[in-house]
Amino acid sequence: MKKSTFNRTLAMVCLFGVGGWTLTACDSKPQPVVSSKTSVAKYEKIKTLQGLIINDDGPVKTGIVKVLTEAGQVVAQIEVTDGPHYSLKVPAGTVLPILLAYYPSADAGDEQRMLAAVVHTGASKFDINPLSTRIAVQAKAMGGYTHKNLVRAAENNGTVPAANKTTAGFRGDPTTQYGGWH
């Protein structure tokens, strides 16, 4: 009788010991450290940004491209006179995000502008067009111009084919797919 009592006691000690170790192990996970300091992306030296400006009618011929802070302050600007290409220099120390805003004329208002949002210091080519404008506006509505919001907005504005046009999903005449029979 003493042996069975000993075995039950040993079994309970092991069970509670393992259970306690498991609970201790679960509670001993390192807690994430919350940093109160956020990193600020900014241009360390003068940065040249360039690209094309295309509206619903095609490449633009003239207008003004402004670099704006999120608050709307003008950081730099250039007049476009010879077609859709622009290139401008952004001063060192400019904090991102910034907006590249195209205005068709000097007196055009915000409702006539097209935008492209800049959130990374490494990128230098930005096309300004109706799609970039929709993405920037939607990212702002999602909480601001961040990489995450711009990606989500771009995914929401992407185009998806109306039907599966891959080989596996092809439902048309097989003699016309890829130029006919091979």
N, C-alpha and C. Protein backbone atom coordinates (compact mmCIF):
# COMPACT_ATOMS: atom_id res chain seq x y z
N MET A 1 0.82 -1.18 0.00
CA MET A 1 0.00 0.00 0.00
C MET A 1 0.86 1.24 0.00
N LYS A 2 1.97 1.17 0.71
CA LYS A 2 2.85 2.32 0.75
C LYS A 2 3.44 2.60 -0.62
N LYS A 3 3.69 1.53 -1.41
CA LYS A 3 4.29 1.70 -2.72
C LYS A 3 3.32 2.42 -3.67
N SER A 4 2.02 2.07 -3.66
CA SER A 4 1.05 2.72 -4.54
C SER A 4 0.83 4.19 -4.14
N THR A 5 0.86 4.49 -2.87
CA THR A 5 0.74 5.87 -2.41
C THR A 5 1.96 6.67 -2.86
N PHE A 6 3.11 6.05 -2.77
CA PHE A 6 4.33 6.71 -3.22
C PHE A 6 4.28 7.00 -4.72
N ASN A 7 3.81 6.03 -5.52
CA ASN A 7 3.72 6.18 -6.98
C ASN A 7 2.73 7.29 -7.35
N ARG A 8 1.58 7.33 -6.63
CA ARG A 8 0.61 8.39 -6.91
C ARG A 8 1.17 9.76 -6.55
N THR A 9 1.84 9.83 -5.45
CA THR A 9 2.45 11.09 -5.03
C THR A 9 3.51 11.54 -6.02
N LEU A 10 4.33 10.59 -6.48
CA LEU A 10 5.37 10.90 -7.46
C LEU A 10 4.73 11.36 -8.78
N ALA A 11 3.67 10.69 -9.19
CA ALA A 11 2.98 11.06 -10.43
C ALA A 11 2.40 12.46 -10.33
N MET A 12 1.81 12.80 -9.18
CA MET A 12 1.23 14.14 -9.01
C MET A 12 2.31 15.21 -8.97
N VAL A 13 3.42 14.93 -8.33
CA VAL A 13 4.53 15.89 -8.28
C VAL A 13 5.04 16.15 -9.69
N CYS A 14 5.19 15.05 -10.46
CA CYS A 14 5.65 15.21 -11.85
C CYS A 14 4.65 16.00 -12.67
N LEU A 15 3.38 15.68 -12.52
CA LEU A 15 2.34 16.38 -13.27
C LEU A 15 2.32 17.87 -12.93
N PHE A 16 2.33 18.17 -11.64
CA PHE A 16 2.33 19.59 -11.25
C PHE A 16 3.64 20.26 -11.62
N GLY A 17 4.72 19.52 -11.53
CA GLY A 17 6.04 20.08 -11.89
C GLY A 17 6.10 20.44 -13.36
N VAL A 18 5.63 19.52 -14.23
CA VAL A 18 5.62 19.79 -15.68
C VAL A 18 4.63 20.90 -15.98
N GLY A 19 3.45 20.85 -15.37
CA GLY A 19 2.46 21.91 -15.61
C GLY A 19 2.97 23.26 -15.16
N GLY A 20 3.62 23.29 -14.01
CA GLY A 20 4.18 24.55 -13.52
C GLY A 20 5.31 25.05 -14.41
N TRP A 21 6.12 24.09 -14.90
CA TRP A 21 7.21 24.49 -15.81
C TRP A 21 6.65 25.06 -17.09
N THR A 22 5.56 24.42 -17.61
CA THR A 22 4.94 24.91 -18.84
C THR A 22 4.39 26.31 -18.64
N LEU A 23 3.71 26.52 -17.52
CA LEU A 23 3.17 27.85 -17.25
C LEU A 23 4.28 28.87 -17.07
N THR A 24 5.34 28.45 -16.40
CA THR A 24 6.47 29.35 -16.21
C THR A 24 7.13 29.66 -17.54
N ALA A 25 7.25 28.63 -18.40
CA ALA A 25 7.87 28.84 -19.71
C ALA A 25 7.02 29.78 -20.55
N CYS A 26 5.70 29.66 -20.46
CA CYS A 26 4.84 30.54 -21.23
C CYS A 26 4.96 31.98 -20.73
N ASP A 27 5.09 32.15 -19.43
CA ASP A 27 5.18 33.49 -18.87
C ASP A 27 6.57 34.08 -19.02
N SER A 28 7.55 33.24 -19.32
CA SER A 28 8.92 33.75 -19.36
C SER A 28 9.32 34.26 -20.74
N LYS A 29 8.38 34.39 -21.64
CA LYS A 29 8.70 34.94 -22.96
C LYS A 29 9.17 36.37 -22.80
N PRO A 30 10.20 36.74 -23.56
CA PRO A 30 10.64 38.13 -23.44
C PRO A 30 9.56 39.07 -23.95
N GLN A 31 9.31 40.10 -23.19
CA GLN A 31 8.31 41.08 -23.58
C GLN A 31 8.91 42.02 -24.62
N PRO A 32 8.12 42.38 -25.64
CA PRO A 32 8.65 43.29 -26.66
C PRO A 32 8.98 44.64 -26.05
N VAL A 33 10.07 45.20 -26.51
CA VAL A 33 10.49 46.51 -26.02
C VAL A 33 9.87 47.56 -26.92
N VAL A 34 9.13 48.45 -26.33
CA VAL A 34 8.50 49.52 -27.08
C VAL A 34 9.44 50.71 -27.08
N SER A 35 9.83 51.08 -28.28
CA SER A 35 10.76 52.21 -28.39
C SER A 35 9.97 53.50 -28.53
N SER A 36 10.31 54.46 -27.73
CA SER A 36 9.62 55.74 -27.82
C SER A 36 10.23 56.61 -28.92
N LYS A 37 11.36 56.16 -29.45
CA LYS A 37 12.04 56.93 -30.48
C LYS A 37 11.73 56.31 -31.85
N THR A 38 11.08 57.04 -32.74
CA THR A 38 10.80 56.55 -34.07
C THR A 38 11.85 57.11 -35.02
N SER A 39 12.22 56.29 -35.99
CA SER A 39 13.23 56.76 -36.94
C SER A 39 12.57 57.67 -37.96
N VAL A 40 13.26 58.72 -38.31
CA VAL A 40 12.76 59.68 -39.27
C VAL A 40 13.58 59.55 -40.54
N ALA A 41 12.90 59.33 -41.66
CA ALA A 41 13.59 59.24 -42.95
C ALA A 41 13.74 60.66 -43.49
N LYS A 42 14.96 60.98 -43.88
CA LYS A 42 15.19 62.29 -44.48
C LYS A 42 16.37 62.18 -45.42
N TYR A 43 16.43 63.11 -46.35
CA TYR A 43 17.54 63.15 -47.30
C TYR A 43 18.76 63.74 -46.62
N GLU A 44 19.83 62.97 -46.60
CA GLU A 44 21.08 63.42 -45.98
C GLU A 44 21.81 64.43 -46.85
N LYS A 45 21.62 64.31 -48.17
CA LYS A 45 22.22 65.26 -49.11
C LYS A 45 21.19 65.59 -50.19
N ILE A 46 21.50 66.52 -51.04
CA ILE A 46 20.57 66.93 -52.09
C ILE A 46 20.19 65.71 -52.92
N LYS A 47 18.90 65.55 -53.19
CA LYS A 47 18.39 64.39 -53.92
C LYS A 47 17.66 64.87 -55.17
N THR A 48 17.98 64.26 -56.32
CA THR A 48 17.30 64.58 -57.57
C THR A 48 16.18 63.59 -57.78
N LEU A 49 14.97 64.09 -57.94
CA LEU A 49 13.80 63.27 -58.24
C LEU A 49 13.37 63.57 -59.66
N GLN A 50 12.96 62.53 -60.37
CA GLN A 50 12.59 62.72 -61.77
C GLN A 50 11.51 61.72 -62.16
N GLY A 51 10.89 61.97 -63.30
CA GLY A 51 9.86 61.07 -63.79
C GLY A 51 9.06 61.68 -64.93
N LEU A 52 7.94 61.05 -65.22
CA LEU A 52 7.03 61.50 -66.28
C LEU A 52 5.72 61.97 -65.66
N ILE A 53 5.08 62.90 -66.35
CA ILE A 53 3.77 63.40 -65.93
C ILE A 53 2.80 63.07 -67.05
N ILE A 54 1.80 62.28 -66.72
CA ILE A 54 0.81 61.87 -67.72
C ILE A 54 -0.57 62.02 -67.09
N ASN A 55 -1.45 62.73 -67.80
CA ASN A 55 -2.83 62.86 -67.31
C ASN A 55 -3.75 61.98 -68.15
N ASP A 56 -5.04 62.13 -68.00
CA ASP A 56 -6.00 61.30 -68.74
C ASP A 56 -5.91 61.50 -70.25
N ASP A 57 -5.39 62.64 -70.68
CA ASP A 57 -5.27 62.94 -72.11
C ASP A 57 -3.93 62.52 -72.68
N GLY A 58 -3.02 62.04 -71.86
CA GLY A 58 -1.69 61.62 -72.33
C GLY A 58 -0.60 62.45 -71.67
N PRO A 59 0.61 62.41 -72.23
CA PRO A 59 1.73 63.16 -71.66
C PRO A 59 1.44 64.67 -71.64
N VAL A 60 1.79 65.31 -70.53
CA VAL A 60 1.56 66.75 -70.43
C VAL A 60 2.70 67.50 -71.11
N LYS A 61 2.43 68.72 -71.51
CA LYS A 61 3.45 69.54 -72.17
C LYS A 61 4.02 70.60 -71.23
N THR A 62 3.13 71.17 -70.39
CA THR A 62 3.55 72.26 -69.50
C THR A 62 2.90 72.10 -68.14
N GLY A 63 3.42 72.84 -67.19
CA GLY A 63 2.85 72.84 -65.84
C GLY A 63 3.93 73.10 -64.81
N ILE A 64 3.60 72.84 -63.57
CA ILE A 64 4.53 73.06 -62.46
C ILE A 64 4.52 71.81 -61.58
N VAL A 65 5.72 71.38 -61.17
CA VAL A 65 5.85 70.29 -60.21
C VAL A 65 6.40 70.88 -58.92
N LYS A 66 5.70 70.63 -57.82
CA LYS A 66 6.13 71.13 -56.52
C LYS A 66 6.40 69.95 -55.59
N VAL A 67 7.40 70.09 -54.75
CA VAL A 67 7.65 69.15 -53.67
C VAL A 67 7.02 69.77 -52.44
N LEU A 68 6.07 69.02 -51.83
CA LEU A 68 5.33 69.52 -50.69
C LEU A 68 5.55 68.64 -49.47
N THR A 69 5.59 69.26 -48.32
CA THR A 69 5.58 68.49 -47.07
C THR A 69 4.16 68.01 -46.84
N GLU A 70 3.97 67.15 -45.84
CA GLU A 70 2.62 66.69 -45.52
C GLU A 70 1.73 67.85 -45.12
N ALA A 71 2.31 68.88 -44.54
CA ALA A 71 1.55 70.06 -44.12
C ALA A 71 1.25 71.00 -45.29
N GLY A 72 1.80 70.72 -46.47
CA GLY A 72 1.52 71.53 -47.64
C GLY A 72 2.54 72.62 -47.93
N GLN A 73 3.64 72.66 -47.18
CA GLN A 73 4.67 73.67 -47.43
C GLN A 73 5.49 73.28 -48.66
N VAL A 74 5.80 74.27 -49.50
CA VAL A 74 6.59 74.04 -50.70
C VAL A 74 8.06 73.94 -50.33
N VAL A 75 8.69 72.82 -50.70
CA VAL A 75 10.11 72.59 -50.43
C VAL A 75 10.94 72.94 -51.66
N ALA A 76 10.42 72.62 -52.84
CA ALA A 76 11.09 72.90 -54.11
C ALA A 76 10.03 72.90 -55.20
N GLN A 77 10.35 73.49 -56.34
CA GLN A 77 9.44 73.45 -57.48
C GLN A 77 10.21 73.69 -58.76
N ILE A 78 9.60 73.25 -59.86
CA ILE A 78 10.19 73.43 -61.18
C ILE A 78 9.06 73.58 -62.18
N GLU A 79 9.32 74.37 -63.20
CA GLU A 79 8.34 74.55 -64.27
C GLU A 79 8.64 73.54 -65.37
N VAL A 80 7.60 72.88 -65.85
CA VAL A 80 7.72 71.94 -66.95
C VAL A 80 7.32 72.68 -68.22
N THR A 81 8.22 72.72 -69.21
CA THR A 81 7.94 73.49 -70.42
C THR A 81 8.10 72.70 -71.71
N ASP A 82 8.85 71.63 -71.68
CA ASP A 82 9.16 70.92 -72.93
C ASP A 82 8.68 69.48 -72.95
N GLY A 83 7.58 69.19 -72.34
CA GLY A 83 7.07 67.83 -72.37
C GLY A 83 6.91 67.23 -71.00
N PRO A 84 6.66 65.93 -70.98
CA PRO A 84 6.24 65.28 -69.74
C PRO A 84 7.35 64.94 -68.74
N HIS A 85 8.60 65.16 -69.10
CA HIS A 85 9.70 64.82 -68.18
C HIS A 85 9.96 65.95 -67.19
N TYR A 86 10.21 65.58 -65.95
CA TYR A 86 10.60 66.57 -64.95
C TYR A 86 11.81 66.03 -64.19
N SER A 87 12.59 66.93 -63.66
CA SER A 87 13.72 66.60 -62.81
C SER A 87 13.93 67.79 -61.89
N LEU A 88 13.93 67.52 -60.59
CA LEU A 88 14.14 68.62 -59.64
C LEU A 88 14.96 68.13 -58.45
N LYS A 89 15.59 69.08 -57.79
CA LYS A 89 16.45 68.78 -56.65
C LYS A 89 15.72 69.10 -55.35
N VAL A 90 15.78 68.14 -54.43
CA VAL A 90 15.17 68.30 -53.12
C VAL A 90 16.31 68.59 -52.14
N PRO A 91 16.19 69.62 -51.32
CA PRO A 91 17.27 70.01 -50.41
C PRO A 91 17.61 68.92 -49.39
N ALA A 92 18.88 68.90 -48.99
CA ALA A 92 19.32 68.02 -47.91
C ALA A 92 18.55 68.38 -46.64
N GLY A 93 18.25 67.38 -45.83
CA GLY A 93 17.53 67.61 -44.59
C GLY A 93 16.02 67.54 -44.73
N THR A 94 15.52 67.37 -45.96
CA THR A 94 14.08 67.26 -46.16
C THR A 94 13.58 65.95 -45.55
N VAL A 95 12.59 66.06 -44.68
CA VAL A 95 12.04 64.91 -43.97
C VAL A 95 10.93 64.29 -44.82
N LEU A 96 10.93 62.96 -44.91
CA LEU A 96 9.90 62.24 -45.64
C LEU A 96 8.78 61.86 -44.66
N PRO A 97 7.58 61.70 -45.13
CA PRO A 97 7.14 61.67 -46.50
C PRO A 97 6.97 63.06 -47.10
N ILE A 98 7.09 63.09 -48.42
CA ILE A 98 6.82 64.31 -49.18
C ILE A 98 5.89 63.95 -50.33
N LEU A 99 5.30 64.96 -50.91
CA LEU A 99 4.44 64.78 -52.07
C LEU A 99 5.04 65.48 -53.27
N LEU A 100 4.98 64.83 -54.41
CA LEU A 100 5.28 65.49 -55.68
C LEU A 100 3.93 65.86 -56.27
N ALA A 101 3.69 67.13 -56.44
CA ALA A 101 2.39 67.61 -56.89
C ALA A 101 2.55 68.31 -58.23
N TYR A 102 1.80 67.86 -59.23
CA TYR A 102 1.79 68.50 -60.54
C TYR A 102 0.56 69.38 -60.64
N TYR A 103 0.79 70.62 -61.05
CA TYR A 103 -0.29 71.57 -61.30
C TYR A 103 -0.22 71.97 -62.77
N PRO A 104 -1.35 71.97 -63.50
CA PRO A 104 -1.32 72.33 -64.92
C PRO A 104 -0.95 73.78 -65.18
N SER A 105 -1.13 74.66 -64.18
CA SER A 105 -0.76 76.07 -64.33
C SER A 105 -0.45 76.64 -62.94
N ALA A 106 0.12 77.83 -62.93
CA ALA A 106 0.49 78.46 -61.66
C ALA A 106 -0.72 78.79 -60.79
N ASP A 107 -1.86 79.05 -61.42
CA ASP A 107 -3.05 79.40 -60.64
C ASP A 107 -4.00 78.23 -60.43
N ALA A 108 -3.59 77.02 -60.77
CA ALA A 108 -4.43 75.83 -60.59
C ALA A 108 -4.54 75.50 -59.10
N GLY A 109 -5.70 75.05 -58.69
CA GLY A 109 -5.93 74.71 -57.29
C GLY A 109 -5.64 73.25 -57.01
N ASP A 110 -5.79 72.87 -55.75
CA ASP A 110 -5.52 71.50 -55.33
C ASP A 110 -6.42 70.48 -56.02
N GLU A 111 -7.62 70.89 -56.39
CA GLU A 111 -8.53 69.96 -57.05
C GLU A 111 -8.06 69.60 -58.46
N GLN A 112 -7.15 70.38 -59.04
CA GLN A 112 -6.63 70.11 -60.38
C GLN A 112 -5.26 69.41 -60.36
N ARG A 113 -4.71 69.20 -59.19
CA ARG A 113 -3.37 68.64 -59.12
C ARG A 113 -3.37 67.11 -59.17
N MET A 114 -2.22 66.57 -59.58
CA MET A 114 -1.97 65.14 -59.49
C MET A 114 -0.81 64.95 -58.52
N LEU A 115 -0.79 63.81 -57.82
CA LEU A 115 0.18 63.58 -56.76
C LEU A 115 0.94 62.27 -56.93
N ALA A 116 2.10 62.23 -56.31
CA ALA A 116 2.84 61.00 -56.07
C ALA A 116 3.47 61.15 -54.69
N ALA A 117 3.35 60.15 -53.85
CA ALA A 117 3.89 60.20 -52.50
C ALA A 117 5.27 59.55 -52.47
N VAL A 118 6.18 60.17 -51.72
CA VAL A 118 7.55 59.67 -51.59
C VAL A 118 7.78 59.33 -50.11
N VAL A 119 8.11 58.06 -49.84
CA VAL A 119 8.33 57.64 -48.46
C VAL A 119 9.71 57.01 -48.23
N HIS A 120 10.44 56.72 -49.30
CA HIS A 120 11.76 56.08 -49.18
C HIS A 120 12.85 56.98 -49.76
N THR A 121 13.95 57.10 -49.04
CA THR A 121 15.04 57.96 -49.49
C THR A 121 15.79 57.38 -50.67
N GLY A 122 15.74 56.07 -50.87
CA GLY A 122 16.50 55.44 -51.94
C GLY A 122 15.90 55.59 -53.32
N ALA A 123 14.61 55.80 -53.42
CA ALA A 123 13.95 55.92 -54.72
C ALA A 123 14.13 57.31 -55.29
N SER A 124 14.25 57.38 -56.63
CA SER A 124 14.44 58.69 -57.26
C SER A 124 13.54 58.91 -58.47
N LYS A 125 12.85 57.88 -58.96
CA LYS A 125 11.98 58.03 -60.13
C LYS A 125 10.53 57.87 -59.72
N PHE A 126 9.75 58.90 -59.99
CA PHE A 126 8.34 58.91 -59.63
C PHE A 126 7.52 59.48 -60.77
N ASP A 127 6.68 58.66 -61.38
CA ASP A 127 5.75 59.16 -62.38
C ASP A 127 4.55 59.73 -61.64
N ILE A 128 4.05 60.83 -62.17
CA ILE A 128 2.88 61.49 -61.59
C ILE A 128 1.74 61.32 -62.58
N ASN A 129 0.68 60.68 -62.16
CA ASN A 129 -0.43 60.39 -63.06
C ASN A 129 -1.70 60.16 -62.24
N PRO A 130 -2.83 59.94 -62.89
CA PRO A 130 -4.08 59.73 -62.14
C PRO A 130 -4.01 58.53 -61.18
N LEU A 131 -3.31 57.47 -61.55
CA LEU A 131 -3.20 56.31 -60.66
C LEU A 131 -2.37 56.64 -59.43
N SER A 132 -1.24 57.32 -59.61
CA SER A 132 -0.43 57.69 -58.45
C SER A 132 -1.20 58.63 -57.53
N THR A 133 -2.06 59.45 -58.12
CA THR A 133 -2.90 60.36 -57.33
C THR A 133 -3.91 59.57 -56.50
N ARG A 134 -4.59 58.60 -57.12
CA ARG A 134 -5.56 57.79 -56.38
C ARG A 134 -4.88 57.03 -55.24
N ILE A 135 -3.70 56.50 -55.51
CA ILE A 135 -2.97 55.76 -54.48
C ILE A 135 -2.59 56.68 -53.33
N ALA A 136 -2.07 57.87 -53.62
CA ALA A 136 -1.67 58.82 -52.57
C ALA A 136 -2.88 59.26 -51.75
N VAL A 137 -3.98 59.57 -52.40
CA VAL A 137 -5.18 60.02 -51.69
C VAL A 137 -5.71 58.90 -50.79
N GLN A 138 -5.73 57.68 -51.30
CA GLN A 138 -6.24 56.57 -50.51
C GLN A 138 -5.31 56.25 -49.34
N ALA A 139 -3.99 56.32 -49.56
CA ALA A 139 -3.04 56.07 -48.46
C ALA A 139 -3.22 57.10 -47.35
N LYS A 140 -3.42 58.35 -47.72
CA LYS A 140 -3.66 59.41 -46.73
C LYS A 140 -4.92 59.10 -45.92
N ALA A 141 -5.97 58.64 -46.61
CA ALA A 141 -7.23 58.30 -45.93
C ALA A 141 -7.07 57.09 -45.01
N MET A 142 -6.11 56.23 -45.29
CA MET A 142 -5.86 55.04 -44.47
C MET A 142 -5.06 55.37 -43.22
N GLY A 143 -4.61 56.60 -43.10
CA GLY A 143 -3.87 56.98 -41.90
C GLY A 143 -2.57 57.71 -42.16
N GLY A 144 -2.21 57.90 -43.42
CA GLY A 144 -1.01 58.66 -43.71
C GLY A 144 -0.15 58.02 -44.77
N TYR A 145 0.85 58.76 -45.19
CA TYR A 145 1.75 58.31 -46.24
C TYR A 145 2.84 57.42 -45.64
N THR A 146 2.54 56.13 -45.50
CA THR A 146 3.52 55.16 -45.04
C THR A 146 3.68 54.10 -46.12
N HIS A 147 4.76 53.34 -46.03
CA HIS A 147 4.98 52.27 -47.00
C HIS A 147 3.80 51.30 -46.98
N LYS A 148 3.38 50.91 -45.80
CA LYS A 148 2.28 49.95 -45.65
C LYS A 148 0.99 50.48 -46.29
N ASN A 149 0.65 51.73 -46.02
CA ASN A 149 -0.58 52.31 -46.57
C ASN A 149 -0.49 52.47 -48.08
N LEU A 150 0.69 52.83 -48.59
CA LEU A 150 0.84 52.98 -50.05
C LEU A 150 0.71 51.62 -50.74
N VAL A 151 1.25 50.58 -50.15
CA VAL A 151 1.13 49.24 -50.73
C VAL A 151 -0.33 48.80 -50.74
N ARG A 152 -1.02 48.98 -49.62
CA ARG A 152 -2.44 48.61 -49.54
C ARG A 152 -3.26 49.41 -50.56
N ALA A 153 -2.98 50.69 -50.68
CA ALA A 153 -3.73 51.52 -51.63
C ALA A 153 -3.43 51.08 -53.06
N ALA A 154 -2.19 50.74 -53.35
CA ALA A 154 -1.83 50.29 -54.69
C ALA A 154 -2.54 48.97 -55.01
N GLU A 155 -2.60 48.07 -54.04
CA GLU A 155 -3.30 46.81 -54.26
C GLU A 155 -4.78 47.06 -54.51
N ASN A 156 -5.36 48.00 -53.80
CA ASN A 156 -6.78 48.31 -53.99
C ASN A 156 -7.05 48.97 -55.33
N ASN A 157 -6.05 49.61 -55.92
CA ASN A 157 -6.23 50.30 -57.19
C ASN A 157 -5.68 49.51 -58.37
N GLY A 158 -5.18 48.30 -58.11
CA GLY A 158 -4.61 47.48 -59.18
C GLY A 158 -5.69 46.98 -60.10
N THR A 159 -5.27 46.59 -61.28
CA THR A 159 -6.22 46.05 -62.24
C THR A 159 -6.08 44.54 -62.27
N VAL A 160 -7.19 43.87 -62.29
CA VAL A 160 -7.22 42.41 -62.35
C VAL A 160 -7.97 42.04 -63.63
N PRO A 161 -7.45 41.08 -64.41
CA PRO A 161 -8.15 40.69 -65.64
C PRO A 161 -9.56 40.22 -65.34
N ALA A 162 -10.47 40.47 -66.28
CA ALA A 162 -11.86 40.08 -66.11
C ALA A 162 -12.03 38.57 -66.07
N ALA A 163 -11.15 37.84 -66.73
CA ALA A 163 -11.23 36.39 -66.76
C ALA A 163 -9.83 35.82 -66.65
N ASN A 164 -9.75 34.58 -66.23
CA ASN A 164 -8.46 33.91 -66.12
C ASN A 164 -7.94 33.64 -67.53
N LYS A 165 -6.86 34.26 -67.91
CA LYS A 165 -6.33 34.12 -69.26
C LYS A 165 -5.09 33.22 -69.29
N THR A 166 -4.86 32.46 -68.23
CA THR A 166 -3.71 31.56 -68.23
C THR A 166 -4.04 30.32 -69.03
N THR A 167 -3.06 29.52 -69.30
CA THR A 167 -3.27 28.30 -70.06
C THR A 167 -4.28 27.39 -69.37
N ALA A 168 -4.16 27.26 -68.04
CA ALA A 168 -5.06 26.38 -67.30
C ALA A 168 -6.49 26.90 -67.32
N GLY A 169 -6.66 28.19 -67.42
CA GLY A 169 -8.00 28.76 -67.39
C GLY A 169 -8.53 29.14 -68.75
N PHE A 170 -7.81 28.79 -69.82
CA PHE A 170 -8.22 29.18 -71.16
C PHE A 170 -9.49 28.46 -71.56
N ARG A 171 -10.49 29.20 -72.03
CA ARG A 171 -11.76 28.60 -72.40
C ARG A 171 -12.16 28.94 -73.84
N GLY A 172 -11.27 29.51 -74.58
CA GLY A 172 -11.60 29.91 -75.94
C GLY A 172 -11.21 28.85 -76.96
N ASP A 173 -11.03 29.27 -78.18
CA ASP A 173 -10.63 28.39 -79.27
C ASP A 173 -9.15 28.06 -79.13
N PRO A 174 -8.78 26.79 -78.92
CA PRO A 174 -7.38 26.46 -78.69
C PRO A 174 -6.49 26.74 -79.90
N THR A 175 -7.08 26.89 -81.08
CA THR A 175 -6.25 27.18 -82.25
C THR A 175 -5.79 28.62 -82.29
N THR A 176 -6.41 29.49 -81.48
CA THR A 176 -6.01 30.90 -81.49
C THR A 176 -5.12 31.26 -80.31
N GLN A 177 -5.05 30.39 -79.29
CA GLN A 177 -4.22 30.67 -78.15
C GLN A 177 -2.75 30.58 -78.54
N TYR A 178 -1.97 31.58 -78.21
CA TYR A 178 -0.54 31.64 -78.50
C TYR A 178 -0.25 31.47 -79.99
N GLY A 179 -1.11 31.96 -80.84
CA GLY A 179 -0.85 31.94 -82.29
C GLY A 179 -1.25 30.64 -82.96
N GLY A 180 -2.06 29.84 -82.35
CA GLY A 180 -2.55 28.61 -83.00
C GLY A 180 -1.78 27.37 -82.56
N TRP A 181 -1.99 26.28 -83.28
CA TRP A 181 -1.34 25.00 -82.95
C TRP A 181 0.16 25.11 -83.23
N HIS A 182 0.94 24.41 -82.44
CA HIS A 182 2.40 24.44 -82.61
C HIS A 182 2.90 23.11 -83.08
